Protein backbone atom coordinates (compact mmCIF):
# COMPACT_ATOMS: atom_id res chain seq x y z
CA UNK A 1 -31.28 6.64 -0.61
CA UNK A 2 -34.29 8.64 0.54
CA UNK A 3 -34.39 10.44 -2.78
CA UNK A 4 -34.21 7.15 -4.67
CA UNK A 5 -37.11 5.73 -2.71
CA UNK A 6 -39.23 8.79 -3.60
CA UNK A 7 -38.53 8.09 -7.28
CA UNK A 8 -40.48 4.82 -7.13
CA UNK A 9 -44.18 4.90 -7.96
CA UNK A 10 -46.64 4.76 -5.05
CA UNK A 11 -46.73 1.25 -3.68
CA UNK A 12 -44.03 0.05 -6.12
CA UNK A 13 -40.74 -1.36 -4.92
CA UNK A 14 -37.50 0.51 -5.51
CA UNK A 15 -35.66 -0.91 -8.48
CA UNK A 16 -32.32 -2.38 -7.47
CA UNK A 17 -30.75 -0.72 -10.52
CA UNK A 18 -30.98 2.64 -8.69
CA UNK A 19 -28.41 1.26 -6.25
CA UNK A 20 -25.75 1.33 -8.96
CA UNK A 21 -25.39 5.12 -8.60
CA UNK A 22 -24.43 5.20 -4.86
CA UNK A 23 -22.48 1.94 -5.22
CA UNK A 24 -20.39 3.36 -8.04
CA UNK A 25 -19.85 6.62 -6.13
CA UNK A 26 -18.74 4.80 -3.01
CA UNK A 27 -16.44 2.58 -5.03
CA UNK A 28 -14.88 5.68 -6.60
CA UNK A 29 -14.25 7.11 -3.13
CA UNK A 30 -12.70 3.84 -1.98
CA UNK A 31 -10.49 3.57 -5.07
CA UNK A 32 -9.24 7.14 -4.67
CA UNK A 33 -8.52 6.51 -0.97
CA UNK A 34 -6.65 3.30 -1.84
CA UNK A 35 -4.64 5.13 -4.51
CA UNK A 36 -3.63 7.86 -2.11
CA UNK A 37 -2.83 5.27 0.53
CA UNK A 38 -0.61 3.43 -1.95
CA UNK A 39 1.30 6.62 -2.72
CA UNK A 40 1.70 7.41 0.98
CA UNK A 41 2.66 3.96 2.26
CA UNK A 42 4.24 1.97 -0.55
CA UNK A 43 5.87 4.44 -2.95
CA UNK A 44 7.28 6.59 -0.13
CA UNK A 45 8.68 3.59 1.80
CA UNK A 46 12.35 2.92 1.98
CA UNK A 47 13.61 0.16 -0.34
CA UNK A 48 14.33 -2.32 2.46
CA UNK A 49 10.82 -1.93 3.96
CA UNK A 50 8.90 -1.93 0.68
CA UNK A 51 7.95 -5.67 0.70
CA UNK A 52 6.46 -5.36 4.20
CA UNK A 53 4.52 -2.27 3.17
CA UNK A 54 3.18 -4.01 0.04
CA UNK A 55 1.94 -6.96 2.09
CA UNK A 56 0.19 -4.74 4.66
CA UNK A 57 -1.23 -2.58 1.88
CA UNK A 58 -2.55 -5.62 0.00
CA UNK A 59 -4.24 -7.00 3.13
CA UNK A 60 -5.80 -3.63 3.85
CA UNK A 61 -7.06 -3.24 0.27
CA UNK A 62 -8.61 -6.69 0.31
CA UNK A 63 -10.30 -5.91 3.64
CA UNK A 64 -11.62 -2.55 2.46
CA UNK A 65 -12.98 -3.86 -0.82
CA UNK A 66 -14.41 -6.94 0.91
CA UNK A 67 -16.35 -4.77 3.37
CA UNK A 68 -17.55 -2.58 0.52
CA UNK A 69 -18.70 -5.61 -1.53
CA UNK A 70 -20.41 -7.12 1.52
CA UNK A 71 -22.30 -3.88 2.22
CA UNK A 72 -23.37 -3.43 -1.40
CA UNK A 73 -24.48 -7.06 -1.67
CA UNK A 74 -26.49 -6.93 1.53
CA UNK A 75 -28.15 -3.70 0.49
CA UNK A 76 -28.94 -5.14 -2.97
CA UNK A 77 -30.44 -8.28 -1.42
CA UNK A 78 -32.55 -6.33 1.11
CA UNK A 79 -33.95 -4.04 -1.60
CA UNK A 80 -34.61 -6.96 -3.93
CA UNK A 81 -36.52 -8.86 -1.22
CA UNK A 82 -38.57 -5.88 -0.11
């Protein structure tokens, strides 16, 4: 983010569009983590425990993506208001 702030002209505010680069990168990291987590927890689970693993996995995915969206939205709002 320090590099992005140096890209703005002197006295000009940082354009919120620059936030798309780190937001997309962090989303890619989260999606790859979620994919590996799915393979580890759901696909490898025994057949009788698969429904429980899917429920826990779904809750964890919603939590992770919710925290990511909350962080990106708060950052976007703070840069837009600055």
